[in-house]
N, C-alpha and C. Protein backbone atom coordinates (compact mmCIF):
# COMPACT_ATOMS: atom_id res chain seq x y z
N UNK A 1 -5.36 -23.69 -17.00
CA UNK A 1 -6.63 -23.89 -17.66
C UNK A 1 -6.49 -24.93 -18.77
N UNK A 2 -5.39 -24.85 -19.51
CA UNK A 2 -5.16 -25.79 -20.60
C UNK A 2 -5.04 -27.21 -20.05
N UNK A 3 -4.32 -27.35 -18.93
CA UNK A 3 -4.15 -28.65 -18.32
C UNK A 3 -5.51 -29.21 -17.92
N UNK A 4 -6.36 -28.35 -17.34
CA UNK A 4 -7.68 -28.79 -16.92
C UNK A 4 -8.49 -29.26 -18.12
N UNK A 5 -8.42 -28.54 -19.23
CA UNK A 5 -9.15 -28.92 -20.44
C UNK A 5 -8.69 -30.28 -20.94
N UNK A 6 -7.37 -30.48 -20.96
CA UNK A 6 -6.83 -31.75 -21.43
C UNK A 6 -7.23 -32.88 -20.50
N UNK A 7 -7.19 -32.62 -19.19
CA UNK A 7 -7.57 -33.64 -18.22
C UNK A 7 -9.04 -34.03 -18.40
N UNK A 8 -9.90 -33.04 -18.58
CA UNK A 8 -11.32 -33.34 -18.81
C UNK A 8 -11.51 -34.13 -20.09
N UNK A 9 -10.76 -33.77 -21.11
CA UNK A 9 -10.87 -34.48 -22.39
C UNK A 9 -10.46 -35.94 -22.23
N UNK A 10 -9.37 -36.17 -21.52
CA UNK A 10 -8.89 -37.54 -21.33
C UNK A 10 -9.91 -38.35 -20.52
N UNK A 11 -10.46 -37.73 -19.49
CA UNK A 11 -11.45 -38.44 -18.67
C UNK A 11 -12.71 -38.74 -19.49
N UNK A 12 -13.09 -37.80 -20.33
CA UNK A 12 -14.26 -37.99 -21.17
C UNK A 12 -14.04 -39.14 -22.15
N UNK A 13 -12.89 -39.15 -22.75
CA UNK A 13 -12.57 -40.21 -23.71
C UNK A 13 -12.47 -41.56 -23.00
N UNK A 14 -11.80 -41.57 -21.87
CA UNK A 14 -11.62 -42.83 -21.14
C UNK A 14 -12.96 -43.40 -20.66
N UNK A 15 -13.84 -42.52 -20.19
CA UNK A 15 -15.12 -42.97 -19.67
C UNK A 15 -16.08 -43.47 -20.74
N UNK A 16 -15.97 -42.90 -21.93
CA UNK A 16 -16.93 -43.26 -22.96
C UNK A 16 -16.32 -44.12 -24.07
N UNK A 17 -15.11 -44.57 -23.87
CA UNK A 17 -14.43 -45.31 -24.94
C UNK A 17 -14.85 -46.78 -25.03
N UNK A 18 -15.51 -47.27 -24.03
CA UNK A 18 -15.91 -48.66 -24.04
C UNK A 18 -16.87 -48.91 -25.20
N UNK A 19 -16.51 -49.81 -26.06
CA UNK A 19 -17.36 -50.21 -27.17
C UNK A 19 -17.30 -49.28 -28.37
N UNK A 20 -16.38 -48.32 -28.37
CA UNK A 20 -16.26 -47.40 -29.49
C UNK A 20 -15.10 -47.81 -30.38
N UNK A 21 -15.25 -47.48 -31.64
CA UNK A 21 -14.19 -47.83 -32.58
C UNK A 21 -13.07 -46.80 -32.52
N UNK A 22 -11.97 -47.19 -33.08
CA UNK A 22 -10.81 -46.29 -33.12
C UNK A 22 -11.15 -45.03 -33.90
N UNK A 23 -11.92 -45.18 -34.96
CA UNK A 23 -12.31 -44.04 -35.79
C UNK A 23 -13.16 -43.05 -34.99
N UNK A 24 -14.09 -43.55 -34.22
CA UNK A 24 -14.93 -42.68 -33.40
C UNK A 24 -14.10 -41.94 -32.35
N UNK A 25 -13.15 -42.66 -31.76
CA UNK A 25 -12.28 -42.05 -30.75
C UNK A 25 -11.42 -40.96 -31.38
N UNK A 26 -10.91 -41.20 -32.57
CA UNK A 26 -10.10 -40.20 -33.26
C UNK A 26 -10.93 -38.96 -33.55
N UNK A 27 -12.17 -39.16 -33.94
CA UNK A 27 -13.07 -38.05 -34.23
C UNK A 27 -13.28 -37.19 -32.97
N UNK A 28 -13.52 -37.86 -31.86
CA UNK A 28 -13.71 -37.14 -30.60
C UNK A 28 -12.43 -36.41 -30.19
N UNK A 29 -11.32 -37.08 -30.38
CA UNK A 29 -10.03 -36.49 -30.03
C UNK A 29 -9.81 -35.21 -30.84
N UNK A 30 -10.09 -35.27 -32.13
CA UNK A 30 -9.91 -34.10 -32.99
C UNK A 30 -10.84 -32.97 -32.59
N UNK A 31 -12.08 -33.31 -32.26
CA UNK A 31 -13.04 -32.28 -31.84
C UNK A 31 -12.58 -31.61 -30.54
N UNK A 32 -12.10 -32.41 -29.63
CA UNK A 32 -11.61 -31.87 -28.36
C UNK A 32 -10.38 -31.00 -28.58
N UNK A 33 -9.51 -31.44 -29.47
CA UNK A 33 -8.31 -30.66 -29.78
C UNK A 33 -8.68 -29.30 -30.37
N UNK A 34 -9.69 -29.29 -31.25
CA UNK A 34 -10.15 -28.03 -31.82
C UNK A 34 -10.71 -27.12 -30.73
N UNK A 35 -11.45 -27.69 -29.80
CA UNK A 35 -11.99 -26.91 -28.68
C UNK A 35 -10.86 -26.31 -27.84
N UNK A 36 -9.84 -27.08 -27.60
CA UNK A 36 -8.69 -26.61 -26.83
C UNK A 36 -7.99 -25.47 -27.57
N UNK A 37 -7.80 -25.61 -28.86
CA UNK A 37 -7.15 -24.56 -29.65
C UNK A 37 -7.98 -23.28 -29.63
N UNK A 38 -9.30 -23.43 -29.77
CA UNK A 38 -10.18 -22.27 -29.74
C UNK A 38 -10.12 -21.56 -28.38
N UNK A 39 -10.12 -22.35 -27.32
CA UNK A 39 -10.03 -21.80 -25.97
C UNK A 39 -8.72 -21.05 -25.78
N UNK A 40 -7.64 -21.61 -26.30
CA UNK A 40 -6.34 -20.94 -26.20
C UNK A 40 -6.32 -19.63 -26.98
N UNK A 41 -6.98 -19.61 -28.14
CA UNK A 41 -7.07 -18.37 -28.92
C UNK A 41 -7.84 -17.31 -28.13
N UNK A 42 -8.94 -17.71 -27.51
CA UNK A 42 -9.71 -16.77 -26.70
C UNK A 42 -8.88 -16.23 -25.54
N UNK A 43 -8.11 -17.11 -24.93
CA UNK A 43 -7.26 -16.70 -23.82
C UNK A 43 -6.22 -15.68 -24.27
N UNK A 44 -5.59 -15.93 -25.41
CA UNK A 44 -4.60 -14.98 -25.95
C UNK A 44 -5.25 -13.63 -26.24
N UNK A 45 -6.42 -13.66 -26.84
CA UNK A 45 -7.13 -12.41 -27.16
C UNK A 45 -7.49 -11.65 -25.89
N UNK A 46 -7.91 -12.38 -24.87
CA UNK A 46 -8.24 -11.75 -23.60
C UNK A 46 -7.02 -11.08 -22.98
N UNK A 47 -5.87 -11.74 -23.07
CA UNK A 47 -4.63 -11.15 -22.55
C UNK A 47 -4.27 -9.89 -23.32
N UNK A 48 -4.43 -9.90 -24.64
CA UNK A 48 -4.15 -8.71 -25.45
C UNK A 48 -5.09 -7.58 -25.06
N UNK A 49 -6.37 -7.89 -24.89
CA UNK A 49 -7.35 -6.88 -24.51
C UNK A 49 -7.02 -6.30 -23.14
N UNK A 50 -6.59 -7.15 -22.23
CA UNK A 50 -6.24 -6.70 -20.89
C UNK A 50 -5.07 -5.73 -20.97
N UNK A 51 -4.07 -6.08 -21.76
CA UNK A 51 -2.90 -5.23 -21.91
C UNK A 51 -3.28 -3.89 -22.52
N UNK A 52 -4.10 -3.91 -23.55
CA UNK A 52 -4.54 -2.67 -24.19
C UNK A 52 -5.35 -1.81 -23.22
N UNK A 53 -6.21 -2.44 -22.44
CA UNK A 53 -7.02 -1.71 -21.47
C UNK A 53 -6.14 -1.06 -20.40
N UNK A 54 -5.13 -1.78 -19.95
CA UNK A 54 -4.23 -1.22 -18.95
C UNK A 54 -3.47 -0.03 -19.52
N UNK A 55 -3.04 -0.13 -20.77
CA UNK A 55 -2.34 0.99 -21.41
C UNK A 55 -3.26 2.21 -21.53
N UNK A 56 -4.51 1.97 -21.88
CA UNK A 56 -5.47 3.07 -21.98
C UNK A 56 -5.70 3.71 -20.62
N UNK A 57 -5.75 2.90 -19.58
CA UNK A 57 -5.94 3.42 -18.23
C UNK A 57 -4.76 4.29 -17.80
N UNK A 58 -3.56 3.84 -18.08
CA UNK A 58 -2.37 4.63 -17.74
C UNK A 58 -2.39 5.96 -18.48
N UNK A 59 -2.72 5.93 -19.76
CA UNK A 59 -2.79 7.15 -20.55
C UNK A 59 -3.85 8.10 -20.01
N UNK A 60 -5.00 7.57 -19.68
CA UNK A 60 -6.08 8.39 -19.13
C UNK A 60 -5.68 9.01 -17.80
N UNK A 61 -5.01 8.24 -16.95
CA UNK A 61 -4.55 8.77 -15.67
C UNK A 61 -3.56 9.92 -15.87
N UNK A 62 -2.67 9.76 -16.84
CA UNK A 62 -1.71 10.83 -17.13
C UNK A 62 -2.43 12.09 -17.60
N UNK A 63 -3.42 11.91 -18.47
CA UNK A 63 -4.19 13.05 -18.96
C UNK A 63 -4.94 13.73 -17.82
N UNK A 64 -5.51 12.93 -16.92
CA UNK A 64 -6.22 13.51 -15.78
C UNK A 64 -5.28 14.30 -14.89
N UNK A 65 -4.11 13.73 -14.62
CA UNK A 65 -3.13 14.43 -13.78
C UNK A 65 -2.72 15.74 -14.43
N UNK A 66 -2.45 15.71 -15.72
CA UNK A 66 -2.05 16.91 -16.44
C UNK A 66 -3.17 17.93 -16.42
N UNK A 67 -4.39 17.47 -16.66
CA UNK A 67 -5.55 18.36 -16.64
C UNK A 67 -5.76 19.00 -15.28
N UNK A 68 -5.61 18.21 -14.23
CA UNK A 68 -5.77 18.75 -12.88
C UNK A 68 -4.69 19.78 -12.58
N UNK A 69 -3.50 19.47 -13.01
CA UNK A 69 -2.39 20.38 -12.80
C UNK A 69 -2.66 21.72 -13.49
N UNK A 70 -3.15 21.67 -14.73
CA UNK A 70 -3.48 22.89 -15.46
C UNK A 70 -4.61 23.64 -14.78
N UNK A 71 -5.61 22.93 -14.30
CA UNK A 71 -6.73 23.56 -13.61
C UNK A 71 -6.27 24.23 -12.33
N UNK A 72 -5.40 23.58 -11.60
CA UNK A 72 -4.90 24.15 -10.36
C UNK A 72 -4.13 25.44 -10.63
N UNK A 73 -3.30 25.42 -11.69
CA UNK A 73 -2.55 26.62 -12.04
C UNK A 73 -3.49 27.74 -12.46
N UNK A 74 -4.52 27.40 -13.19
CA UNK A 74 -5.49 28.39 -13.64
C UNK A 74 -6.20 29.02 -12.45
N UNK A 75 -6.56 28.21 -11.48
CA UNK A 75 -7.22 28.72 -10.27
C UNK A 75 -6.27 29.63 -9.50
N UNK A 76 -5.02 29.23 -9.38
CA UNK A 76 -4.04 30.04 -8.67
C UNK A 76 -3.88 31.40 -9.35
N UNK A 77 -3.81 31.39 -10.67
CA UNK A 77 -3.67 32.66 -11.41
C UNK A 77 -4.90 33.54 -11.19
N UNK A 78 -6.08 32.90 -11.21
CA UNK A 78 -7.31 33.68 -10.99
C UNK A 78 -7.31 34.31 -9.60
N UNK A 79 -6.88 33.57 -8.62
CA UNK A 79 -6.82 34.09 -7.24
C UNK A 79 -5.82 35.24 -7.16
N UNK A 80 -4.65 35.03 -7.75
CA UNK A 80 -3.63 36.08 -7.73
C UNK A 80 -4.13 37.35 -8.44
N UNK A 81 -4.78 37.18 -9.55
CA UNK A 81 -5.30 38.31 -10.31
C UNK A 81 -6.36 39.05 -9.51
N UNK A 82 -7.24 38.27 -8.86
CA UNK A 82 -8.30 38.87 -8.03
C UNK A 82 -7.70 39.64 -6.86
N UNK A 83 -6.66 39.07 -6.26
CA UNK A 83 -6.00 39.74 -5.14
C UNK A 83 -5.34 41.04 -5.59
N UNK A 84 -4.73 41.07 -6.78
CA UNK A 84 -4.11 42.27 -7.29
C UNK A 84 -5.17 43.34 -7.54
N UNK A 85 -6.34 42.92 -8.05
CA UNK A 85 -7.39 43.87 -8.30
C UNK A 85 -7.94 44.45 -6.99
N UNK A 86 -7.94 43.64 -5.96
CA UNK A 86 -8.48 44.06 -4.66
C UNK A 86 -7.56 45.04 -3.96
N UNK A 87 -6.29 45.08 -4.32
CA UNK A 87 -5.32 45.96 -3.63
C UNK A 87 -5.42 47.36 -4.09
């Protein structure tokens, strides 16, 4: 993605550089660089969020498995107790 951003920036500068001063080109270059840095920050944040979400999912799955296991044991005990009462 970063490569694509840089490539677009270079093409943009190259296409519109005719008749522009060095100062104007530097200004555009700096603006594009800031955009690239911002995009990279967003990408890093997205990766962190993805990692946190995956960790939450794993934790939730463990809790569900544990809860199901407890529920199954509870049902088994209830059945056993009912069977003892029926005898």
